C-alpha atoms as a PDB file:
ATOM      1  CA  MET A   1     106.296 138.738 114.052  1.00  0.00           C
ATOM      2  CA  SER A   2     109.551 140.281 112.886  1.00  0.00           C
ATOM      3  CA  LYS A   3     110.508 143.125 110.575  1.00  0.00           C
ATOM      4  CA  PHE A   4     112.567 140.543 108.674  1.00  0.00           C
ATOM      5  CA  TRP A   5     109.555 138.404 107.774  1.00  0.00           C
ATOM      6  CA  SER A   6     108.151 138.569 104.269  1.00  0.00           C
ATOM      7  CA  PRO A   7     104.456 139.511 103.876  1.00  0.00           C
ATOM      8  CA  LEU A   8     103.756 135.889 102.922  1.00  0.00           C
ATOM      9  CA  VAL A   9     105.264 134.500 106.131  1.00  0.00           C
ATOM     10  CA  ASN A  10     103.452 137.105 108.188  1.00  0.00           C
ATOM     11  CA  ASP A  11     100.083 135.920 106.848  1.00  0.00           C
ATOM     12  CA  LEU A  12     100.731 132.152 106.982  1.00  0.00           C
ATOM     13  CA  VAL A  13      98.688 129.964 109.303  1.00  0.00           C
ATOM     14  CA  PRO A  14     100.889 126.860 109.663  1.00  0.00           C
ATOM     15  CA  TYR A  15      99.728 123.287 109.991  1.00  0.00           C
ATOM     16  CA  VAL A  16      99.584 122.015 113.577  1.00  0.00           C
ATOM     17  CA  PRO A  17     100.854 118.416 113.757  1.00  0.00           C
ATOM     18  CA  GLY A  18      99.574 115.928 116.282  1.00  0.00           C
ATOM     19  CA  GLU A  19     101.098 116.332 119.711  1.00  0.00           C
ATOM     20  CA  GLN A  20     104.241 114.312 120.425  1.00  0.00           C
ATOM     21  CA  PRO A  21     104.327 114.476 124.245  1.00  0.00           C
ATOM     22  CA  LYS A  22     107.367 113.421 126.274  1.00  0.00           C
ATOM     23  CA  MET A  23     105.477 111.526 128.971  1.00  0.00           C
ATOM     24  CA  ALA A  24     106.349 108.150 130.432  1.00  0.00           C
ATOM     25  CA  ASN A  25     103.891 105.235 130.215  1.00  0.00           C
ATOM     26  CA  LEU A  26     101.708 107.130 127.777  1.00  0.00           C
ATOM     27  CA  VAL A  27      98.922 105.500 125.768  1.00  0.00           C
ATOM     28  CA  LYS A  28      99.438 107.517 122.590  1.00  0.00           C
ATOM     29  CA  LEU A  29      96.435 107.319 120.275  1.00  0.00           C
ATOM     30  CA  ASN A  30      96.507 110.774 118.676  1.00  0.00           C
ATOM     31  CA  THR A  31      98.685 110.704 115.545  1.00  0.00           C
ATOM     32  CA  ASN A  32      97.578 107.604 113.603  1.00  0.00           C
ATOM     33  CA  GLU A  33     100.925 105.848 113.880  1.00  0.00           C
ATOM     34  CA  ASN A  34     100.910 102.098 113.341  1.00  0.00           C
ATOM     35  CA  PRO A  35     100.848 100.233 116.675  1.00  0.00           C
ATOM     36  CA  PHE A  36     103.008  97.481 115.206  1.00  0.00           C
ATOM     37  CA  GLY A  37     106.661  98.030 114.411  1.00  0.00           C
ATOM     38  CA  PRO A  38     108.206  97.864 110.938  1.00  0.00           C
ATOM     39  CA  SER A  39     109.216  94.595 109.357  1.00  0.00           C
ATOM     40  CA  PRO A  40     112.461  93.115 110.748  1.00  0.00           C
ATOM     41  CA  LYS A  41     113.654  93.134 107.142  1.00  0.00           C
ATOM     42  CA  VAL A  42     113.427  96.922 107.193  1.00  0.00           C
ATOM     43  CA  ILE A  43     115.759  97.097 110.184  1.00  0.00           C
ATOM     44  CA  GLU A  44     118.188  94.713 108.495  1.00  0.00           C
ATOM     45  CA  ALA A  45     118.173  96.748 105.282  1.00  0.00           C
ATOM     46  CA  ILE A  46     118.833 100.002 107.128  1.00  0.00           C
ATOM     47  CA  GLN A  47     121.649  98.441 109.156  1.00  0.00           C
ATOM     48  CA  ALA A  48     123.242  97.173 105.938  1.00  0.00           C
ATOM     49  CA  GLU A  49     123.364 100.780 104.675  1.00  0.00           C
ATOM     50  CA  LEU A  50     125.230 102.029 107.756  1.00  0.00           C
ATOM     51  CA  ASN A  51     128.621 102.009 106.107  1.00  0.00           C
ATOM     52  CA  ASP A  52     131.092 104.222 104.282  1.00  0.00           C
ATOM     53  CA  GLY A  53     128.528 104.755 101.537  1.00  0.00           C
ATOM     54  CA  LEU A  54     126.859 107.414 103.672  1.00  0.00           C
ATOM     55  CA  ARG A  55     129.507 109.853 102.477  1.00  0.00           C
ATOM     56  CA  LEU A  56     127.882 109.669  99.036  1.00  0.00           C
ATOM     57  CA  TYR A  57     124.652 111.308  97.914  1.00  0.00           C
ATOM     58  CA  PRO A  58     121.673 108.967  97.506  1.00  0.00           C
ATOM     59  CA  ASP A  59     120.108 108.180  94.143  1.00  0.00           C
ATOM     60  CA  PRO A  60     118.165 111.386  93.330  1.00  0.00           C
ATOM     61  CA  GLU A  61     115.571 109.420  91.377  1.00  0.00           C
ATOM     62  CA  GLY A  62     115.286 106.489  93.813  1.00  0.00           C
ATOM     63  CA  GLU A  63     115.257 104.187  90.820  1.00  0.00           C
ATOM     64  CA  SER A  64     115.356 100.874  92.716  1.00  0.00           C
ATOM     65  CA  LEU A  65     112.506 101.878  95.045  1.00  0.00           C
ATOM     66  CA  ARG A  66     110.457 103.250  92.151  1.00  0.00           C
ATOM     67  CA  GLN A  67     110.829  99.939  90.334  1.00  0.00           C
ATOM     68  CA  THR A  68     109.746  98.036  93.439  1.00  0.00           C
ATOM     69  CA  ILE A  69     106.674 100.199  94.019  1.00  0.00           C
ATOM     70  CA  ALA A  70     105.766 100.126  90.318  1.00  0.00           C
ATOM     71  CA  ALA A  71     105.950  96.323  90.176  1.00  0.00           C
ATOM     72  CA  TYR A  72     103.817  96.040  93.322  1.00  0.00           C
ATOM     73  CA  HIS A  73     101.084  98.307  91.947  1.00  0.00           C
ATOM     74  CA  LYS A  74     101.358  97.004  88.364  1.00  0.00           C
ATOM     75  CA  VAL A  75     102.353 100.314  86.796  1.00  0.00           C
ATOM     76  CA  LYS A  76     105.530 101.588  85.119  1.00  0.00           C
ATOM     77  CA  PRO A  77     108.429 103.195  87.034  1.00  0.00           C
ATOM     78  CA  GLU A  78     107.955 106.409  85.063  1.00  0.00           C
ATOM     79  CA  GLN A  79     104.515 106.659  86.686  1.00  0.00           C
ATOM     80  CA  ILE A  80     106.032 106.880  90.186  1.00  0.00           C
ATOM     81  CA  PHE A  81     107.212 110.026  91.982  1.00  0.00           C
ATOM     82  CA  LEU A  82     109.012 109.824  95.342  1.00  0.00           C
ATOM     83  CA  GLY A  83     109.071 112.443  98.075  1.00  0.00           C
ATOM     84  CA  ASN A  84     110.098 113.066 101.663  1.00  0.00           C
ATOM     85  CA  GLY A  85     106.810 111.871 103.110  1.00  0.00           C
ATOM     86  CA  SER A  86     103.486 112.338 101.351  1.00  0.00           C
ATOM     87  CA  ASP A  87     103.297 115.882 102.737  1.00  0.00           C
ATOM     88  CA  GLU A  88     106.192 116.932 100.506  1.00  0.00           C
ATOM     89  CA  VAL A  89     104.591 115.112  97.576  1.00  0.00           C
ATOM     90  CA  LEU A  90     101.347 117.001  98.202  1.00  0.00           C
ATOM     91  CA  ALA A  91     103.210 120.311  98.472  1.00  0.00           C
ATOM     92  CA  HIS A  92     104.725 119.786  95.023  1.00  0.00           C
ATOM     93  CA  ILE A  93     101.298 118.831  93.671  1.00  0.00           C
ATOM     94  CA  PHE A  94      99.724 122.043  94.949  1.00  0.00           C
ATOM     95  CA  PHE A  95     102.520 124.121  93.447  1.00  0.00           C
ATOM     96  CA  GLY A  96     103.028 122.304  90.169  1.00  0.00           C
ATOM     97  CA  LEU A  97      99.737 120.769  89.056  1.00  0.00           C
ATOM     98  CA  PHE A  98      96.814 122.809  90.360  1.00  0.00           C
ATOM     99  CA  GLN A  99      95.702 125.793  88.261  1.00  0.00           C
ATOM    100  CA  HIS A 100      96.291 128.850  90.453  1.00  0.00           C
ATOM    101  CA  GLY A 101      93.820 131.070  88.652  1.00  0.00           C
ATOM    102  CA  GLU A 102      90.752 129.160  89.846  1.00  0.00           C
ATOM    103  CA  PRO A 103      89.805 127.786  93.272  1.00  0.00           C
ATOM    104  CA  ILE A 104      90.693 124.193  93.988  1.00  0.00           C
ATOM    105  CA  LEU A 105      88.108 121.989  95.652  1.00  0.00           C
ATOM    106  CA  PHE A 106      88.441 119.888  98.790  1.00  0.00           C
ATOM    107  CA  PRO A 107      86.029 118.810 101.564  1.00  0.00           C
ATOM    108  CA  ASP A 108      85.237 121.199 104.406  1.00  0.00           C
ATOM    109  CA  ILE A 109      86.231 118.491 106.903  1.00  0.00           C
ATOM    110  CA  THR A 110      89.472 116.964 105.701  1.00  0.00           C
ATOM    111  CA  TYR A 111      93.251 116.925 106.089  1.00  0.00           C
ATOM    112  CA  SER A 112      94.079 120.330 107.533  1.00  0.00           C
ATOM    113  CA  PHE A 113      97.306 120.684 105.540  1.00  0.00           C
ATOM    114  CA  TYR A 114      95.318 121.470 102.363  1.00  0.00           C
ATOM    115  CA  PRO A 115      94.360 125.043 103.335  1.00  0.00           C
ATOM    116  CA  VAL A 116      97.918 125.561 104.616  1.00  0.00           C
ATOM    117  CA  TYR A 117      99.329 124.743 101.169  1.00  0.00           C
ATOM    118  CA  CYS A 118      96.807 127.133  99.644  1.00  0.00           C
ATOM    119  CA  GLY A 119      98.099 129.885 101.904  1.00  0.00           C
ATOM    120  CA  LEU A 120     101.738 129.036 101.184  1.00  0.00           C
ATOM    121  CA  TYR A 121     101.278 129.097  97.402  1.00  0.00           C
ATOM    122  CA  ASN A 122      98.566 131.762  97.269  1.00  0.00           C
ATOM    123  CA  ILE A 123      95.984 129.380  95.802  1.00  0.00           C
ATOM    124  CA  GLU A 124      92.269 130.061  96.062  1.00  0.00           C
ATOM    125  CA  SER A 125      90.116 127.248  97.400  1.00  0.00           C
ATOM    126  CA  THR A 126      86.503 126.276  97.876  1.00  0.00           C
ATOM    127  CA  LYS A 127      85.622 123.994 100.770  1.00  0.00           C
ATOM    128  CA  VAL A 128      82.936 121.555  99.671  1.00  0.00           C
ATOM    129  CA  PRO A 129      80.681 120.582 102.601  1.00  0.00           C
ATOM    130  CA  LEU A 130      80.406 116.913 103.455  1.00  0.00           C
ATOM    131  CA  THR A 131      76.903 115.512 103.789  1.00  0.00           C
ATOM    132  CA  GLU A 132      75.162 115.380 107.166  1.00  0.00           C
ATOM    133  CA  SER A 133      76.540 111.853 107.543  1.00  0.00           C
ATOM    134  CA  PHE A 134      80.066 113.194 106.793  1.00  0.00           C
ATOM    135  CA  GLU A 135      80.313 111.629 103.339  1.00  0.00           C
ATOM    136  CA  ILE A 136      81.664 113.068 100.083  1.00  0.00           C
ATOM    137  CA  ASN A 137      78.960 113.718  97.513  1.00  0.00           C
ATOM    138  CA  PRO A 138      80.540 113.411  94.030  1.00  0.00           C
ATOM    139  CA  ASP A 139      77.979 115.794  92.536  1.00  0.00           C
ATOM    140  CA  ASP A 140      79.370 118.609  94.682  1.00  0.00           C
ATOM    141  CA  PHE A 141      82.703 118.343  92.852  1.00  0.00           C
ATOM    142  CA  LYS A 142      81.132 118.898  89.445  1.00  0.00           C
ATOM    143  CA  GLN A 143      81.746 122.652  89.368  1.00  0.00           C
ATOM    144  CA  PRO A 144      84.429 124.912  87.836  1.00  0.00           C
ATOM    145  CA  ASN A 145      87.749 124.533  89.640  1.00  0.00           C
ATOM    146  CA  GLY A 146      91.520 124.627  89.390  1.00  0.00           C
ATOM    147  CA  GLY A 147      91.854 121.050  90.644  1.00  0.00           C
ATOM    148  CA  VAL A 148      90.354 118.615  93.130  1.00  0.00           C
ATOM    149  CA  ILE A 149      91.886 116.858  96.122  1.00  0.00           C
ATOM    150  CA  PHE A 150      90.408 114.652  98.822  1.00  0.00           C
ATOM    151  CA  PRO A 151      91.656 111.880 101.101  1.00  0.00           C
ATOM    152  CA  ASN A 152      90.208 108.424 100.639  1.00  0.00           C
ATOM    153  CA  PRO A 153      89.509 107.271 103.306  1.00  0.00           C
ATOM    154  CA  ASN A 154      88.874 110.811 104.449  1.00  0.00           C
ATOM    155  CA  ALA A 155      90.635 112.222 107.470  1.00  0.00           C
ATOM    156  CA  PRO A 156      89.639 112.762 110.198  1.00  0.00           C
ATOM    157  CA  THR A 157      86.292 111.038 109.525  1.00  0.00           C
ATOM    158  CA  GLY A 158      87.644 107.690 108.239  1.00  0.00           C
ATOM    159  CA  ARG A 159      84.848 107.397 105.689  1.00  0.00           C
ATOM    160  CA  TYR A 160      85.651 105.727 102.365  1.00  0.00           C
ATOM    161  CA  LEU A 161      84.400 106.675  98.892  1.00  0.00           C
ATOM    162  CA  GLU A 162      83.870 103.714  96.588  1.00  0.00           C
ATOM    163  CA  LEU A 163      85.830 103.818  93.323  1.00  0.00           C
ATOM    164  CA  GLN A 164      82.725 104.174  91.172  1.00  0.00           C
ATOM    165  CA  TYR A 165      82.137 107.578  92.797  1.00  0.00           C
ATOM    166  CA  VAL A 166      85.793 108.519  92.472  1.00  0.00           C
ATOM    167  CA  GLU A 167      85.371 107.859  88.758  1.00  0.00           C
ATOM    168  CA  GLU A 168      82.380 110.200  88.688  1.00  0.00           C
ATOM    169  CA  ILE A 169      84.597 113.013  89.955  1.00  0.00           C
ATOM    170  CA  LEU A 170      87.338 112.141  87.466  1.00  0.00           C
ATOM    171  CA  ALA A 171      84.952 112.040  84.525  1.00  0.00           C
ATOM    172  CA  ALA A 172      83.435 115.387  85.514  1.00  0.00           C
ATOM    173  CA  ASN A 173      86.838 117.108  85.590  1.00  0.00           C
ATOM    174  CA  PRO A 174      88.724 115.910  82.479  1.00  0.00           C
ATOM    175  CA  ASP A 175      90.715 119.142  82.152  1.00  0.00           C
ATOM    176  CA  ARG A 176      91.784 119.382  85.787  1.00  0.00           C
ATOM    177  CA  VAL A 177      94.006 117.238  87.986  1.00  0.00           C
ATOM    178  CA  VAL A 178      92.137 115.149  90.548  1.00  0.00           C
ATOM    179  CA  VAL A 179      94.273 114.001  93.485  1.00  0.00           C
ATOM    180  CA  VAL A 180      93.207 111.080  95.662  1.00  0.00           C
ATOM    181  CA  ASP A 181      95.201 111.163  98.897  1.00  0.00           C
ATOM    182  CA  GLU A 182      95.376 107.538 100.046  1.00  0.00           C
ATOM    183  CA  ALA A 183      97.348 107.701 103.290  1.00  0.00           C
ATOM    184  CA  TYR A 184      94.998 105.141 104.895  1.00  0.00           C
ATOM    185  CA  ILE A 185      93.892 103.056 101.918  1.00  0.00           C
ATOM    186  CA  ASP A 186      95.504  99.796 103.087  1.00  0.00           C
ATOM    187  CA  PHE A 187      93.191  99.482 106.092  1.00  0.00           C
ATOM    188  CA  GLY A 188      90.153  98.460 104.076  1.00  0.00           C
ATOM    189  CA  GLY A 189      89.768 100.349 100.803  1.00  0.00           C
ATOM    190  CA  GLU A 190      90.514  99.706  97.144  1.00  0.00           C
ATOM    191  CA  SER A 191      93.204 101.950  95.706  1.00  0.00           C
ATOM    192  CA  ALA A 192      92.469 104.311  92.829  1.00  0.00           C
ATOM    193  CA  ILE A 193      95.892 103.376  91.424  1.00  0.00           C
ATOM    194  CA  THR A 194      93.955 100.827  89.370  1.00  0.00           C
ATOM    195  CA  LEU A 195      92.448 103.789  87.477  1.00  0.00           C
ATOM    196  CA  VAL A 196      95.576 105.782  86.567  1.00  0.00           C
ATOM    197  CA  ASP A 197      95.920 104.255  83.092  1.00  0.00           C
ATOM    198  CA  LYS A 198      92.290 105.088  82.364  1.00  0.00           C
ATOM    199  CA  TYR A 199      92.324 108.704  83.563  1.00  0.00           C
ATOM    200  CA  PRO A 200      95.325 110.895  82.629  1.00  0.00           C
ATOM    201  CA  ASN A 201      94.071 113.572  85.065  1.00  0.00           C
ATOM    202  CA  LEU A 202      94.306 111.239  88.088  1.00  0.00           C
ATOM    203  CA  LEU A 203      97.141 111.398  90.593  1.00  0.00           C
ATOM    204  CA  VAL A 204      97.172 109.097  93.625  1.00  0.00           C
ATOM    205  CA  SER A 205      99.374 109.851  96.628  1.00  0.00           C
ATOM    206  CA  GLN A 206     100.351 107.316  99.286  1.00  0.00           C
ATOM    207  CA  THR A 207     102.678 107.082 102.256  1.00  0.00           C
ATOM    208  CA  LEU A 208     104.700 104.396 104.021  1.00  0.00           C
ATOM    209  CA  SER A 209     104.057 106.091 107.377  1.00  0.00           C
ATOM    210  CA  LYS A 210     100.825 104.299 108.224  1.00  0.00           C
ATOM    211  CA  ALA A 211     100.291 100.738 107.007  1.00  0.00           C
ATOM    212  CA  ARG A 212     104.015 100.020 106.622  1.00  0.00           C
ATOM    213  CA  SER A 213     104.983 101.497 110.006  1.00  0.00           C
ATOM    214  CA  LEU A 214     107.620 103.901 108.670  1.00  0.00           C
ATOM    215  CA  ALA A 215     106.460 107.290 109.951  1.00  0.00           C
ATOM    216  CA  GLY A 216     109.995 107.886 111.202  1.00  0.00           C
ATOM    217  CA  LEU A 217     111.587 107.450 107.775  1.00  0.00           C
ATOM    218  CA  ARG A 218     109.435 109.960 105.830  1.00  0.00           C
ATOM    219  CA  VAL A 219     108.707 108.225 102.541  1.00  0.00           C
ATOM    220  CA  GLY A 220     105.788 109.098 100.283  1.00  0.00           C
ATOM    221  CA  PHE A 221     104.997 108.727  96.611  1.00  0.00           C
ATOM    222  CA  ALA A 222     102.530 109.576  93.871  1.00  0.00           C
ATOM    223  CA  VAL A 223     101.273 107.476  90.969  1.00  0.00           C
ATOM    224  CA  GLY A 224      99.871 108.887  87.746  1.00  0.00           C
ATOM    225  CA  HIS A 225     100.384 109.616  84.072  1.00  0.00           C
ATOM    226  CA  PRO A 226     104.056 110.225  83.152  1.00  0.00           C
ATOM    227  CA  ASP A 227     103.208 113.810  82.188  1.00  0.00           C
ATOM    228  CA  LEU A 228     102.038 114.514  85.739  1.00  0.00           C
ATOM    229  CA  ILE A 229     105.111 112.812  87.182  1.00  0.00           C
ATOM    230  CA  GLU A 230     107.389 114.884  84.962  1.00  0.00           C
ATOM    231  CA  ALA A 231     105.813 118.065  86.344  1.00  0.00           C
ATOM    232  CA  LEU A 232     106.477 116.916  89.902  1.00  0.00           C
ATOM    233  CA  ASN A 233     110.072 116.058  89.050  1.00  0.00           C
ATOM    234  CA  ARG A 234     110.581 119.515  87.583  1.00  0.00           C
ATOM    235  CA  VAL A 235     109.377 121.046  90.851  1.00  0.00           C
ATOM    236  CA  LYS A 236     111.408 118.623  92.965  1.00  0.00           C
ATOM    237  CA  ASN A 237     114.609 119.280  91.064  1.00  0.00           C
ATOM    238  CA  SER A 238     114.064 123.015  91.512  1.00  0.00           C
ATOM    239  CA  PHE A 239     113.637 122.528  95.269  1.00  0.00           C
ATOM    240  CA  ASN A 240     115.579 119.501  96.582  1.00  0.00           C
ATOM    241  CA  SER A 241     117.093 116.936  94.214  1.00  0.00           C
ATOM    242  CA  TYR A 242     117.749 114.420  97.015  1.00  0.00           C
ATOM    243  CA  PRO A 243     114.503 114.129  99.021  1.00  0.00           C
ATOM    244  CA  LEU A 244     115.144 110.557 100.259  1.00  0.00           C
ATOM    245  CA  ASP A 245     118.355 109.513 101.984  1.00  0.00           C
ATOM    246  CA  ARG A 246     120.066 106.141 101.609  1.00  0.00           C
ATOM    247  CA  LEU A 247     118.512 104.703 104.774  1.00  0.00           C
ATOM    248  CA  ALA A 248     114.984 105.700 103.753  1.00  0.00           C
ATOM    249  CA  LEU A 249     115.391 104.249 100.266  1.00  0.00           C
ATOM    250  CA  ALA A 250     116.683 100.936 101.641  1.00  0.00           C
ATOM    251  CA  GLY A 251     114.081 100.684 104.393  1.00  0.00           C
ATOM    252  CA  ALA A 252     111.164 101.532 102.119  1.00  0.00           C
ATOM    253  CA  LYS A 253     112.212  98.960  99.544  1.00  0.00           C
ATOM    254  CA  ALA A 254     112.486  96.268 102.235  1.00  0.00           C
ATOM    255  CA  ALA A 255     109.036  97.186 103.585  1.00  0.00           C
ATOM    256  CA  TYR A 256     107.497  96.587 100.173  1.00  0.00           C
ATOM    257  CA  GLU A 257     109.286  93.273  99.857  1.00  0.00           C
ATOM    258  CA  ASP A 258     107.827  91.860 103.098  1.00  0.00           C
ATOM    259  CA  GLU A 259     104.205  91.368 102.093  1.00  0.00           C
ATOM    260  CA  ALA A 260     103.463  88.895 104.883  1.00  0.00           C
ATOM    261  CA  TRP A 261     104.423  91.386 107.600  1.00  0.00           C
ATOM    262  CA  PHE A 262     102.439  94.143 105.907  1.00  0.00           C
ATOM    263  CA  ARG A 263      99.296  92.016 105.700  1.00  0.00           C
ATOM    264  CA  LYS A 264      99.657  90.829 109.282  1.00  0.00           C
ATOM    265  CA  CYS A 265      99.869  94.404 110.574  1.00  0.00           C
ATOM    266  CA  CYS A 266      96.932  95.623 108.480  1.00  0.00           C
ATOM    267  CA  ASP A 267      94.770  92.695 109.558  1.00  0.00           C
ATOM    268  CA  GLY A 268      95.677  93.355 113.188  1.00  0.00           C
ATOM    269  CA  VAL A 269      94.629  96.992 112.956  1.00  0.00           C
ATOM    270  CA  ILE A 270      91.370  96.136 111.162  1.00  0.00           C
ATOM    271  CA  SER A 271      90.470  93.498 113.760  1.00  0.00           C
ATOM    272  CA  GLU A 272      91.139  95.886 116.646  1.00  0.00           C
ATOM    273  CA  ARG A 273      89.262  98.696 114.891  1.00  0.00           C
ATOM    274  CA  GLU A 274      86.141  96.552 114.812  1.00  0.00           C
ATOM    275  CA  ARG A 275      86.543  95.540 118.461  1.00  0.00           C
ATOM    276  CA  VAL A 276      87.044  99.114 119.652  1.00  0.00           C
ATOM    277  CA  THR A 277      84.119 100.322 117.546  1.00  0.00           C
ATOM    278  CA  THR A 278      81.782  97.778 119.157  1.00  0.00           C
ATOM    279  CA  ALA A 279      83.041  98.625 122.646  1.00  0.00           C
ATOM    280  CA  LEU A 280      82.495 102.358 122.131  1.00  0.00           C
ATOM    281  CA  GLU A 281      79.041 101.845 120.683  1.00  0.00           C
ATOM    282  CA  ASP A 282      78.183  99.846 123.814  1.00  0.00           C
ATOM    283  CA  LEU A 283      79.247 102.905 125.832  1.00  0.00           C
ATOM    284  CA  GLY A 284      76.856 105.176 123.953  1.00  0.00           C
ATOM    285  CA  PHE A 285      79.146 106.488 121.228  1.00  0.00           C
ATOM    286  CA  GLU A 286      78.239 107.115 117.619  1.00  0.00           C
ATOM    287  CA  VAL A 287      81.189 105.814 115.588  1.00  0.00           C
ATOM    288  CA  LEU A 288      81.452 106.720 111.914  1.00  0.00           C
ATOM    289  CA  PRO A 289      82.172 103.799 109.550  1.00  0.00           C
ATOM    290  CA  SER A 290      85.961 103.751 109.167  1.00  0.00           C
ATOM    291  CA  ARG A 291      88.336 102.228 106.624  1.00  0.00           C
ATOM    292  CA  ALA A 292      91.359 103.864 108.273  1.00  0.00           C
ATOM    293  CA  ASN A 293      93.584 103.016 111.243  1.00  0.00           C
ATOM    294  CA  PHE A 294      91.514 105.312 113.435  1.00  0.00           C
ATOM    295  CA  ILE A 295      87.899 105.915 114.347  1.00  0.00           C
ATOM    296  CA  PHE A 296      85.915 109.133 114.639  1.00  0.00           C
ATOM    297  CA  ALA A 297      83.401 109.034 117.457  1.00  0.00           C
ATOM    298  CA  ARG A 298      81.145 111.233 119.577  1.00  0.00           C
ATOM    299  CA  HIS A 299      79.202 110.431 122.712  1.00  0.00           C
ATOM    300  CA  LYS A 300      75.490 111.059 122.946  1.00  0.00           C
ATOM    301  CA  ASP A 301      75.868 112.913 126.279  1.00  0.00           C
ATOM    302  CA  GLN A 302      79.503 113.775 126.995  1.00  0.00           C
ATOM    303  CA  PRO A 303      81.298 116.656 125.167  1.00  0.00           C
ATOM    304  CA  GLY A 304      84.347 115.671 123.165  1.00  0.00           C
ATOM    305  CA  GLU A 305      86.590 118.221 124.872  1.00  0.00           C
ATOM    306  CA  VAL A 306      85.644 116.905 128.311  1.00  0.00           C
ATOM    307  CA  LEU A 307      86.310 113.308 127.300  1.00  0.00           C
ATOM    308  CA  ALA A 308      89.678 114.192 125.761  1.00  0.00           C
ATOM    309  CA  LYS A 309      90.714 115.999 128.935  1.00  0.00           C
ATOM    310  CA  GLY A 310      89.506 113.140 131.117  1.00  0.00           C
ATOM    311  CA  LEU A 311      91.485 110.601 129.113  1.00  0.00           C
ATOM    312  CA  ARG A 312      94.612 112.775 129.236  1.00  0.00           C
ATOM    313  CA  GLU A 313      94.403 112.816 133.026  1.00  0.00           C
ATOM    314  CA  GLN A 314      94.656 109.022 132.818  1.00  0.00           C
ATOM    315  CA  GLY A 315      97.678 109.174 130.507  1.00  0.00           C
ATOM    316  CA  ILE A 316      95.675 108.434 127.335  1.00  0.00           C
ATOM    317  CA  ILE A 317      96.062 110.900 124.447  1.00  0.00           C
ATOM    318  CA  VAL A 318      93.522 111.137 121.614  1.00  0.00           C
ATOM    319  CA  ARG A 319      92.925 113.926 119.070  1.00  0.00           C
ATOM    320  CA  HIS A 320      90.207 116.503 119.599  1.00  0.00           C
ATOM    321  CA  PHE A 321      89.471 119.107 116.916  1.00  0.00           C
ATOM    322  CA  ASN A 322      87.840 122.279 118.193  1.00  0.00           C
ATOM    323  CA  LYS A 323      86.299 123.055 114.814  1.00  0.00           C
ATOM    324  CA  PRO A 324      82.771 123.588 113.459  1.00  0.00           C
ATOM    325  CA  ARG A 325      80.676 120.438 112.939  1.00  0.00           C
ATOM    326  CA  ILE A 326      83.209 118.113 114.595  1.00  0.00           C
ATOM    327  CA  SER A 327      83.920 119.646 118.014  1.00  0.00           C
ATOM    328  CA  GLU A 328      82.082 116.809 119.786  1.00  0.00           C
ATOM    329  CA  PHE A 329      84.143 114.108 118.058  1.00  0.00           C
ATOM    330  CA  LEU A 330      87.302 112.337 119.128  1.00  0.00           C
ATOM    331  CA  ARG A 331      89.689 110.899 116.568  1.00  0.00           C
ATOM    332  CA  ILE A 332      91.138 107.789 118.135  1.00  0.00           C
ATOM    333  CA  THR A 333      94.071 105.917 116.631  1.00  0.00           C
ATOM    334  CA  ILE A 334      93.796 102.141 116.818  1.00  0.00           C
ATOM    335  CA  GLY A 335      96.570 100.900 119.079  1.00  0.00           C
ATOM    336  CA  THR A 336      97.720  97.560 120.399  1.00  0.00           C
ATOM    337  CA  VAL A 337      95.317  95.283 122.253  1.00  0.00           C
ATOM    338  CA  GLU A 338      96.699  96.571 125.547  1.00  0.00           C
ATOM    339  CA  GLN A 339      96.441 100.223 124.504  1.00  0.00           C
ATOM    340  CA  ASN A 340      92.898  99.749 123.275  1.00  0.00           C
ATOM    341  CA  ASP A 341      91.933  97.993 126.505  1.00  0.00           C
ATOM    342  CA  ALA A 342      93.278 100.995 128.428  1.00  0.00           C
ATOM    343  CA  LEU A 343      91.267 103.359 126.210  1.00  0.00           C
ATOM    344  CA  ILE A 344      88.034 101.412 126.728  1.00  0.00           C
ATOM    345  CA  ALA A 345      88.587 101.227 130.496  1.00  0.00           C
ATOM    346  CA  GLY A 346      89.379 104.936 130.594  1.00  0.00           C
ATOM    347  CA  LEU A 347      86.181 105.827 128.760  1.00  0.00           C
ATOM    348  CA  GLU A 348      84.171 103.509 130.994  1.00  0.00           C
ATOM    349  CA  SER A 349      85.462 105.393 134.029  1.00  0.00           C
ATOM    350  CA  LEU A 350      84.356 108.681 132.516  1.00  0.00           C
END
């Protein structure tokens, strides 16, 4: 605390990102990074941009990338908003689209950046409890609010909400923005982007950090009605007109243009997710159904904190949340075959 801090900063409780340890020979399964590298075409595209052009500002609108993403998702470029990772996109959404006079709704167990944004922008919120099986009940989101946001699949649970239930939430909130945060959608779910032309109150956010292996580039986007996109652009251009640099724009475009690599990586993660799930169930774990690149699991006898510590002592890092309802769970990123074998062997030893 400092006398130079504003009252807002003094009261903020910042988001705590997943640990990025500097340990050799580490099996790192704690931050949901893709175990497979980016497409070779991404590397080539970035290398092609390493020239004298770096002295120039990038395209503030990212027009070429917006056109590529729009064509892929069968929408119009004016329905696409780009940001420096989906976290920046979400920050602009909280500031520019949610009604600050009423509480926004999000699940009680969800992405922990949501309450941080509420604190940053002084937005009231209501945490909607998940069911006993850690699912979203659409009926619980049919109450007065200043907006709705939830990940699909949810994080850290990995559970997926079918689009028919997403539509229930949209239909129940016609005068409020409903945001579907789809960071993990490519690992087994159907995107709500198919609904944006039907529901003008729907905004879908996605990232290239997970399925397209570009966590290091920081590229995210939102898809929705042009009126919603215009609001986000007004906020962006009052904050940072150049959120994506030339390398990120080139790499992201190349990632979208290599569909074969993208599908291969997603299929690899899905296959390993099923194998790891079966192995953990054989060891006495309850594993929630996951459509993400991670699983959420608890053992019938062993505390989550003890298991996380025991794995760390073997050089295997997973995520443990010391929070109500989920303190016995481990969130385990799906890694390579070799990393997953090490995880299974480590748990067997414990």
